[in-house]
Structure formats: structure tokens, C-alpha cells
Amino acid sequence: MNRTDSNLRFLRFWPLQLMGWGTYFGVNVLCSLPWWRRLDYDAFRGAFLLSSFLASFPMYWLCHLLWKRHARVWTVALVCMLASLPLGMLCSASAFEAAVRLSSVRPPFKWVDVITATPSGWYALIAWSSFYFGIKHYLALEEKHRQLIATEIMAQEAQLRALRFQLQPHFLFNTLNAISTLVLNNQTFAATEMIGKLAHLLRSTLDAPDLHTIPLSDELAVTEEYLAIEEVRFGDRLTVRWDIDQTLVDTIVPRLILQPLVENAVRHGIARRPQGGFILVKTHREGDHLALLIENEPPEESAAMLLDGVPRIGGVGLENVRQRLEQMYGSESSMHTTTNARGNYEVALRMPLSMNRNSSEYKLSQSGL
């Protein structure tokens, strides 16, 4: 890890170092064009730039040490100003020495001239230090932002995982309760058949537990397996209808998003109708969104189930679906429950359309659609 961090610092330092000093060198060359025939002036500017570039390396060591120790801003400012003063003086001295040696007049070297020109090197190194800490603060903020995003993603994944796993005990409890009812009623064949279908369904739902999204075709297959279990329980009282748009079966949807909806339709609709009823599973496209609809006939006591014309539905399953849609798609998704013109209950989901081209086409084994 430390070696990796060192490599990253190396890769970040050199491009910025060369680009910064290269820009400074270019500006000085442009400003010195009127004096390009003065060899002493060219020597002065060249030596000053080269010595300032070399002086930035001890400044880098000092700034890096202050950064690692998390020094306060006033401490950093004071230390950098004090350290850059002698370095700036050395830059000025080297520049004047080069100018004196290459001058045709050969004037004497004067420390007064060096002290007079020291602020130029001093300011250059202070500016370099300011850029260093500015870039370090920017990179630190970027890293914190990246960590915050990663933390939010991990939190959302953990919440989605918890919500999805909440469905399995809920569904399992209801199914085992139905099996126990069949056993108590001496319907051993139906109970055995339901146990076999339950085992097959659990194998499908427990595979890849960290997978939050699957193709719609796989979700429909799991839903069909669940309804097959309920058909064993209710027999002729339950009729399942499918209206599937085959062009949408490759759409990516949240895993186990339909099962709690059809379970709710069975528990609050079919189970309360002595004569039974139907459940309709429908998929269609609405612009760039996928629409899923579950419709079922209401129980005979439907008047007691209504609140301002909207069915009272909730519980673990449907609230779970609502939260998962909000977590995964935010405002781009919606979930509505209502009573349609035929007097049946409807639960409608809407989510962004995301296609998976690698999925195979889904065919309902019983509907033939």
C-alpha cells in the first residue's frame, strides 16, 4: 500500500512540476524577447529559472513534511516564507554570477544587487508552495468525495440486500403456513407437490445472493414458480393470466420485485374469495420506462378494504418493493395502487428501461405467449 501511494505521488508530482515550471519558463522567454541579443541578460534569466527549479525540490520536501504533520495554516505560511527567503537569495546570487561571467563588460559581483533581486526568487518559491498546498487540498477533497460516494454506494447496497433478504423469510413463512394447512387437511399429495415446488423456487431465489438486478425474463420465471405453488394450494380457485411484451423480456429489473406483489394479490384477493378469481401479470412500455402491473379481483368484503377509493395495502412485502424502487431509481420510478374501472385491485410499477442484450427470450411455459 505504501509503495502504491509513493508511485501515485510520483506520477502526480512530475507532470505538475514540469508543466508549472515549463509555463513559467515560457512566460519569461516571451518577456525577454526584446533582450535576446544580450548574452548577460539571457544568462541571468536562464540561471535564475534553473536555480529556482532546483530550489523547488527542497521546498517540496519541506512542504510534504508539513502536510504529513497536518501543520496549521499559519505555521505553514511562516515556515515556507522563512525557508524560501535564503533559497530565493541563492537563486538571485546564481543568476548574477552567471550574468557577470558571460557579460562582455565584466562588472564586479555585488551582494547589494543580489539582495535587491532576492524578492523575485522568494516570490517564485512562495507561489510554488502555494500551488503545492492548493493541489494537495484539492486532491484530498477529491479523495474524500470519492470515499463518500463509495460509502453511499456500500450503504445502498447493504440496504438493498437487507430489503431483499427480508422478502425471503416473509415469503417462506407464508408458504410453510400454507403447506401446514394442507397437511392438517390431509391433502398430502398437494402438500408434497408444494414442497417440491418450494424447493425448486428456493434454489432459484437463493442463488447469487449479492445479485440485486436480473433480466425481466428471469424475474417472470421466478414469479411463475411462485404462482405454481399457489395453484397447488388453491386449485381451480386461482387463475393466472399473463400479458407479456416479448420485446421487454431483456429489461433489467430488481430481483424479487414481482413476487411480493403477486403474494399480496393472493393473500388479500384470491384467498378471501370463496369462488376464487384471477391474477393478471402485465408488462408494457411507457416511453423509456418499463411498466409492470398486477391486477386481481377483490375479496367480497372489498368495501372494508378501501380508503377513499384506494385499497389499503401495505405490510412488509409492498413497503419493501416501494423502498427498493426508491433506493435504486429514485424519482425515476413510481409505485401506485388503485381500483380500476372493473372494480379490481391494481398495483402498477414504473422504472427506467434498461436492456440486457445477453438474456435469452422468455417463454411462459403455461400461457404459450
Protein backbone atom coordinates (compact mmCIF):
# COMPACT_ATOMS: atom_id res chain seq x y z
CA MET A 1 0.00 0.00 0.00
CA ASN A 2 2.79 2.44 0.88
CA ARG A 3 4.59 1.63 -2.36
CA THR A 4 1.41 2.28 -4.30
CA ASP A 5 0.91 5.64 -2.57
CA SER A 6 4.51 6.59 -3.37
CA ASN A 7 4.00 5.71 -7.02
CA LEU A 8 0.86 7.82 -7.15
CA ARG A 9 2.66 10.78 -5.61
CA PHE A 10 5.47 10.34 -8.13
CA LEU A 11 3.05 10.24 -11.05
CA ARG A 12 1.23 13.31 -9.80
CA PHE A 13 4.31 15.37 -8.89
CA TRP A 14 6.37 15.24 -12.06
CA PRO A 15 3.70 16.20 -14.63
CA LEU A 16 2.62 19.14 -12.49
CA GLN A 17 6.22 20.13 -11.70
CA LEU A 18 7.28 20.12 -15.35
CA MET A 19 4.10 21.77 -16.56
CA GLY A 20 4.29 24.55 -13.96
CA TRP A 21 7.92 25.42 -14.46
CA GLY A 22 7.58 24.97 -18.21
CA THR A 23 4.81 27.57 -18.24
CA TYR A 24 6.90 29.92 -16.09
CA PHE A 25 9.87 29.42 -18.42
CA GLY A 26 7.74 30.12 -21.48
CA VAL A 27 6.40 33.37 -19.99
CA ASN A 28 9.94 34.50 -19.17
CA VAL A 29 11.14 33.71 -22.71
CA LEU A 30 8.31 35.75 -24.23
CA CYS A 31 9.02 38.68 -21.92
CA SER A 32 12.74 38.50 -22.68
CA LEU A 33 12.47 38.58 -26.48
CA PRO A 34 13.45 42.29 -26.72
CA TRP A 35 16.69 41.42 -24.93
CA TRP A 36 17.54 38.22 -26.79
CA ARG A 37 20.84 39.65 -28.08
CA ARG A 38 22.05 40.49 -24.56
CA LEU A 39 24.04 37.41 -23.58
CA ASP A 40 24.41 38.54 -19.98
CA TYR A 41 20.65 39.08 -19.63
CA ASP A 42 19.89 35.67 -21.16
CA ALA A 43 22.40 34.09 -18.78
CA PHE A 44 20.79 35.89 -15.83
CA ARG A 45 17.25 34.73 -16.71
CA GLY A 46 18.36 31.17 -17.54
CA ALA A 47 20.38 30.75 -14.35
CA PHE A 48 17.54 32.23 -12.30
CA LEU A 49 14.98 29.81 -13.78
CA LEU A 50 17.26 26.78 -13.42
CA SER A 51 18.21 27.59 -9.82
CA SER A 52 14.55 28.27 -8.91
CA PHE A 53 13.58 24.91 -10.42
CA LEU A 54 16.26 23.16 -8.35
CA ALA A 55 15.27 25.09 -5.22
CA SER A 56 11.71 23.77 -5.55
CA PHE A 57 12.91 20.28 -4.58
CA PRO A 58 13.98 21.18 -1.01
CA MET A 59 10.77 23.20 -0.81
CA TYR A 60 8.87 20.08 -1.87
CA TRP A 61 10.50 18.08 0.93
CA LEU A 62 9.61 20.78 3.46
CA CYS A 63 6.02 21.20 2.24
CA HIS A 64 5.49 17.44 2.16
CA LEU A 65 6.75 17.18 5.75
CA LEU A 66 4.38 19.96 6.87
CA TRP A 67 1.48 18.28 5.05
CA LYS A 68 2.12 14.90 6.65
CA ARG A 69 2.23 16.51 10.11
CA HIS A 70 -1.04 18.37 9.45
CA ALA A 71 0.52 21.70 10.38
CA ARG A 72 -1.74 24.69 10.83
CA VAL A 73 -2.10 27.18 8.02
CA TRP A 74 -0.25 29.95 9.86
CA THR A 75 2.60 27.62 10.72
CA VAL A 76 2.83 26.53 7.09
CA ALA A 77 2.81 30.13 5.86
CA LEU A 78 5.52 31.23 8.32
CA VAL A 79 7.81 28.24 7.71
CA CYS A 80 7.51 28.47 3.92
CA MET A 81 8.22 32.20 3.88
CA LEU A 82 11.27 31.81 6.11
CA ALA A 83 12.62 28.81 4.16
CA SER A 84 12.08 30.35 0.74
CA LEU A 85 13.97 33.56 1.63
CA PRO A 86 17.51 32.07 1.70
CA LEU A 87 16.67 29.84 -1.26
CA GLY A 88 15.48 32.89 -3.19
CA MET A 89 18.70 34.68 -2.31
CA LEU A 90 20.73 31.73 -3.66
CA CYS A 91 18.72 31.85 -6.89
CA SER A 92 19.46 35.55 -7.28
CA ALA A 93 23.14 35.03 -6.48
CA SER A 94 23.48 32.26 -9.07
CA ALA A 95 21.71 34.44 -11.65
CA PHE A 96 24.03 37.41 -11.06
CA GLU A 97 27.08 35.14 -11.06
CA ALA A 98 26.10 33.74 -14.46
CA ALA A 99 25.43 37.23 -15.81
CA VAL A 100 28.79 38.53 -14.58
CA ARG A 101 30.72 35.65 -16.09
CA LEU A 102 29.08 35.97 -19.51
CA SER A 103 28.98 39.77 -19.66
CA SER A 104 31.36 41.46 -22.07
CA VAL A 105 31.86 44.33 -19.63
CA ARG A 106 32.55 42.00 -16.66
CA PRO A 107 31.12 44.21 -13.85
CA PRO A 108 32.00 43.25 -10.29
CA PHE A 109 29.72 40.92 -8.34
CA LYS A 110 27.77 42.92 -5.72
CA TRP A 111 25.73 41.43 -2.92
CA VAL A 112 23.60 44.57 -2.92
CA ASP A 113 22.31 43.57 -6.36
CA VAL A 114 21.66 40.05 -5.07
CA ILE A 115 19.65 41.31 -2.09
CA THR A 116 17.73 43.66 -4.36
CA ALA A 117 16.77 40.80 -6.69
CA THR A 118 16.05 38.31 -3.88
CA PRO A 119 12.29 39.04 -3.72
CA SER A 120 11.91 37.66 -7.26
CA GLY A 121 13.16 34.21 -6.24
CA TRP A 122 11.37 34.47 -2.92
CA TYR A 123 8.02 35.17 -4.56
CA ALA A 124 8.54 32.37 -7.08
CA LEU A 125 9.14 29.81 -4.33
CA ILE A 126 6.24 31.10 -2.22
CA ALA A 127 3.99 30.80 -5.28
CA TRP A 128 5.27 27.26 -5.82
CA SER A 129 4.48 26.38 -2.18
CA SER A 130 1.00 27.88 -2.52
CA PHE A 131 0.34 25.78 -5.61
CA TYR A 132 1.61 22.71 -3.79
CA PHE A 133 -0.77 23.08 -0.85
CA GLY A 134 -3.63 24.12 -3.12
CA ILE A 135 -3.23 20.98 -5.23
CA LYS A 136 -2.85 18.79 -2.13
CA HIS A 137 -6.06 20.20 -0.65
CA TYR A 138 -7.86 19.67 -3.96
CA LEU A 139 -6.68 16.06 -4.19
CA ALA A 140 -7.66 15.47 -0.56
CA LEU A 141 -11.16 16.82 -1.21
CA GLU A 142 -11.44 14.64 -4.32
CA GLU A 143 -10.41 11.60 -2.29
CA LYS A 144 -12.93 12.40 0.43
CA HIS A 145 -15.60 12.86 -2.21
CA ARG A 146 -14.70 9.51 -3.77
CA GLN A 147 -14.79 7.82 -0.37
CA LEU A 148 -18.14 9.44 0.39
CA ILE A 149 -19.59 8.16 -2.88
CA ALA A 150 -18.16 4.69 -2.22
CA THR A 151 -19.62 4.75 1.30
CA GLU A 152 -23.04 5.79 -0.01
CA ILE A 153 -22.95 3.03 -2.63
CA MET A 154 -21.99 0.46 0.01
CA ALA A 155 -24.77 1.71 2.29
CA GLN A 156 -27.32 1.50 -0.52
CA GLU A 157 -26.16 -2.00 -1.45
CA ALA A 158 -26.36 -3.07 2.19
CA GLN A 159 -29.86 -1.65 2.48
CA LEU A 160 -30.96 -3.29 -0.76
CA ARG A 161 -29.50 -6.58 0.42
CA ALA A 162 -31.34 -6.27 3.73
CA LEU A 163 -34.59 -5.39 1.98
CA ARG A 164 -34.27 -8.30 -0.44
CA PHE A 165 -33.43 -10.79 2.28
CA GLN A 166 -36.44 -9.51 4.23
CA LEU A 167 -38.65 -10.88 1.47
CA GLN A 168 -37.43 -14.45 1.75
CA PRO A 169 -38.44 -15.13 5.39
CA HIS A 170 -41.75 -13.33 4.74
CA PHE A 171 -42.50 -15.46 1.70
CA LEU A 172 -41.16 -18.63 3.31
CA PHE A 173 -43.33 -18.19 6.40
CA ASN A 174 -46.48 -17.80 4.29
CA THR A 175 -45.66 -20.79 2.10
CA LEU A 176 -44.82 -23.07 5.02
CA ASN A 177 -48.05 -21.99 6.69
CA ALA A 178 -49.94 -22.98 3.54
CA ILE A 179 -48.16 -26.36 3.48
CA SER A 180 -49.06 -27.00 7.14
CA THR A 181 -52.69 -26.20 6.31
CA LEU A 182 -52.66 -28.79 3.52
CA VAL A 183 -51.13 -31.37 5.85
CA LEU A 184 -53.76 -30.69 8.51
CA ASN A 185 -56.46 -31.12 5.87
CA ASN A 186 -54.92 -34.49 4.86
CA GLN A 187 -54.05 -33.18 1.40
CA THR A 188 -50.72 -34.98 1.43
CA PHE A 189 -50.28 -35.12 -2.34
CA ALA A 190 -50.83 -31.39 -2.68
CA ALA A 191 -48.51 -30.72 0.27
CA THR A 192 -45.79 -32.92 -1.23
CA GLU A 193 -46.13 -31.23 -4.60
CA MET A 194 -45.95 -27.81 -2.96
CA ILE A 195 -42.81 -28.78 -1.01
CA GLY A 196 -41.14 -29.88 -4.25
CA LYS A 197 -42.05 -26.62 -5.98
CA LEU A 198 -40.90 -24.65 -2.93
CA ALA A 199 -37.51 -26.38 -3.00
CA HIS A 200 -37.12 -25.52 -6.69
CA LEU A 201 -38.14 -21.91 -6.07
CA LEU A 202 -35.72 -21.53 -3.16
CA ARG A 203 -32.87 -22.78 -5.33
CA SER A 204 -33.74 -20.07 -7.84
CA THR A 205 -34.06 -17.25 -5.32
CA LEU A 206 -31.07 -18.12 -3.13
CA ASP A 207 -28.56 -18.38 -6.00
CA ALA A 208 -26.18 -15.40 -6.25
CA PRO A 209 -27.38 -13.65 -3.08
CA ASP A 210 -25.49 -10.42 -3.90
CA LEU A 211 -27.21 -10.04 -7.27
CA HIS A 212 -29.69 -7.18 -6.99
CA THR A 213 -30.87 -6.97 -10.60
CA ILE A 214 -31.78 -9.65 -13.16
CA PRO A 215 -33.43 -9.75 -16.59
CA LEU A 216 -37.19 -9.50 -16.60
CA SER A 217 -37.32 -12.97 -18.12
CA ASP A 218 -35.71 -14.47 -15.01
CA GLU A 219 -37.98 -12.47 -12.72
CA LEU A 220 -41.04 -13.71 -14.60
CA ALA A 221 -39.78 -17.28 -14.33
CA VAL A 222 -39.43 -16.97 -10.53
CA THR A 223 -42.90 -15.38 -10.34
CA GLU A 224 -44.35 -18.25 -12.37
CA GLU A 225 -42.74 -20.76 -9.99
CA TYR A 226 -44.29 -18.97 -7.02
CA LEU A 227 -47.74 -18.90 -8.63
CA ALA A 228 -47.38 -22.58 -9.46
CA ILE A 229 -47.06 -23.20 -5.70
CA GLU A 230 -50.19 -21.18 -5.04
CA GLU A 231 -52.06 -23.02 -7.79
CA VAL A 232 -51.38 -26.26 -5.94
CA ARG A 233 -52.84 -24.67 -2.81
CA PHE A 234 -55.95 -23.10 -4.38
CA GLY A 235 -56.56 -25.44 -7.29
CA ASP A 236 -59.32 -24.20 -9.62
CA ARG A 237 -59.91 -21.15 -7.43
CA LEU A 238 -56.80 -19.45 -8.85
CA THR A 239 -56.45 -18.48 -12.48
CA VAL A 240 -53.24 -16.81 -13.65
CA ARG A 241 -53.23 -14.63 -16.77
CA TRP A 242 -50.11 -13.33 -18.47
CA ASP A 243 -49.83 -10.35 -20.80
CA ILE A 244 -46.10 -10.11 -21.51
CA ASP A 245 -44.50 -7.84 -24.10
CA GLN A 246 -41.81 -10.13 -25.53
CA THR A 247 -39.73 -7.12 -26.63
CA LEU A 248 -39.16 -6.21 -22.97
CA VAL A 249 -38.04 -9.55 -21.54
CA ASP A 250 -34.38 -8.49 -21.65
CA THR A 251 -35.04 -5.45 -19.47
CA ILE A 252 -33.08 -5.34 -16.22
CA VAL A 253 -35.33 -5.21 -13.13
CA PRO A 254 -34.78 -5.51 -9.36
CA ARG A 255 -34.63 -9.09 -8.23
CA LEU A 256 -37.78 -10.42 -6.47
CA ILE A 257 -39.74 -7.28 -7.35
CA LEU A 258 -42.86 -9.12 -8.59
CA GLN A 259 -43.13 -11.92 -6.04
CA PRO A 260 -44.38 -9.76 -3.12
CA LEU A 261 -46.93 -8.14 -5.42
CA VAL A 262 -48.47 -11.41 -6.57
CA GLU A 263 -48.25 -12.72 -2.99
CA ASN A 264 -50.24 -9.70 -1.85
CA ALA A 265 -52.80 -10.35 -4.59
CA VAL A 266 -53.18 -13.95 -3.45
CA ARG A 267 -53.45 -13.17 0.26
CA HIS A 268 -55.72 -10.15 0.07
CA GLY A 269 -57.67 -11.11 -3.03
CA ILE A 270 -57.93 -14.76 -4.04
CA ALA A 271 -57.71 -16.21 -0.52
CA ARG A 272 -60.72 -14.11 0.56
CA ARG A 273 -62.93 -15.12 -2.36
CA PRO A 274 -64.75 -18.44 -1.84
CA GLN A 275 -65.22 -18.78 -5.59
CA GLY A 276 -61.63 -17.74 -6.32
CA GLY A 277 -60.54 -15.34 -9.02
CA PHE A 278 -57.76 -14.36 -11.37
CA ILE A 279 -54.39 -12.64 -11.16
CA LEU A 280 -53.10 -10.74 -14.19
CA VAL A 281 -49.38 -10.08 -14.68
CA LYS A 282 -48.80 -7.50 -17.39
CA THR A 283 -45.73 -5.75 -18.79
CA HIS A 284 -45.69 -2.93 -21.30
CA ARG A 285 -43.58 0.02 -22.35
CA GLU A 286 -44.25 3.65 -21.49
CA GLY A 287 -41.76 5.75 -23.41
CA ASP A 288 -38.34 5.00 -21.98
CA HIS A 289 -39.81 3.27 -18.91
CA LEU A 290 -40.93 -0.26 -18.13
CA ALA A 291 -44.41 -0.62 -16.62
CA LEU A 292 -45.37 -3.69 -14.57
CA LEU A 293 -48.95 -4.26 -13.48
CA ILE A 294 -50.50 -6.81 -11.13
CA GLU A 295 -54.30 -6.97 -11.18
CA ASN A 296 -56.53 -9.19 -9.08
CA GLU A 297 -60.19 -9.47 -8.24
CA PRO A 298 -61.10 -8.01 -4.85
CA PRO A 299 -62.49 -10.01 -1.94
CA GLU A 300 -66.20 -9.89 -1.19
CA GLU A 301 -65.58 -7.58 1.75
CA SER A 302 -63.77 -5.13 -0.56
CA ALA A 303 -65.73 -2.19 0.82
CA ALA A 304 -63.92 -2.61 4.13
CA MET A 305 -60.60 -2.73 2.33
CA LEU A 306 -61.00 0.65 0.65
CA LEU A 307 -59.91 4.03 1.88
CA ASP A 308 -61.06 6.95 -0.29
CA GLY A 309 -61.34 4.61 -3.26
CA VAL A 310 -57.81 3.28 -2.86
CA PRO A 311 -57.20 -0.23 -1.50
CA ARG A 312 -55.49 -0.49 1.87
CA ILE A 313 -52.45 -2.48 1.04
CA GLY A 314 -49.12 -2.44 2.76
CA GLY A 315 -47.21 -4.75 5.01
CA VAL A 316 -43.67 -5.95 4.65
CA GLY A 317 -43.82 -7.00 1.00
CA LEU A 318 -45.27 -3.93 -0.68
CA GLU A 319 -43.44 -1.44 1.51
CA ASN A 320 -40.28 -3.37 0.71
CA VAL A 321 -40.94 -3.00 -3.02
CA ARG A 322 -41.57 0.72 -2.63
CA GLN A 323 -38.31 1.24 -0.71
CA ARG A 324 -36.26 -0.81 -3.17
CA LEU A 325 -37.54 1.19 -6.13
CA GLU A 326 -36.75 4.43 -4.34
CA GLN A 327 -33.26 3.23 -3.42
CA MET A 328 -32.40 2.00 -6.92
CA TYR A 329 -34.11 4.55 -9.18
CA GLY A 330 -35.17 7.48 -7.01
CA SER A 331 -37.67 9.82 -8.65
CA GLU A 332 -37.40 7.95 -11.96
CA SER A 333 -39.56 5.15 -10.55
CA SER A 334 -43.04 5.03 -9.09
CA MET A 335 -45.48 2.62 -7.45
CA HIS A 336 -49.23 3.19 -7.42
CA THR A 337 -52.13 1.18 -6.03
CA THR A 338 -55.69 1.77 -7.12
CA THR A 339 -59.05 0.23 -8.00
CA ASN A 340 -59.62 0.19 -11.75
CA ALA A 341 -62.84 0.69 -13.71
CA ARG A 342 -63.64 -3.04 -13.47
CA GLY A 343 -63.51 -2.86 -9.69
CA ASN A 344 -60.29 -4.88 -9.48
CA TYR A 345 -57.18 -4.02 -7.47
CA GLU A 346 -54.12 -2.86 -9.38
CA VAL A 347 -50.52 -2.36 -8.33
CA ALA A 348 -48.53 -0.54 -11.03
CA LEU A 349 -44.75 -0.18 -11.05
CA ARG A 350 -42.77 2.10 -13.33
CA MET A 351 -38.98 2.10 -13.68
CA PRO A 352 -36.33 3.16 -16.21
CA LEU A 353 -35.92 0.88 -19.20
CA SER A 354 -32.51 -0.80 -19.22
CA MET A 355 -31.98 -3.61 -21.70
CA ASN A 356 -29.74 -6.66 -21.35
CA ARG A 357 -28.87 -7.96 -24.82
CA ASN A 358 -27.32 -11.18 -23.49
CA SER A 359 -30.54 -12.57 -21.99
CA SER A 360 -32.46 -15.27 -23.80
CA GLU A 361 -36.11 -14.72 -24.71
CA TYR A 362 -38.56 -15.77 -22.01
CA LYS A 363 -41.44 -18.05 -22.85
CA LEU A 364 -44.18 -18.73 -20.35
CA SER A 365 -44.47 -22.48 -20.07
CA GLN A 366 -48.18 -22.47 -19.42
CA SER A 367 -49.51 -19.43 -21.28
CA GLY A 368 -47.66 -20.00 -24.55
CA LEU A 369 -47.31 -16.27 -25.10
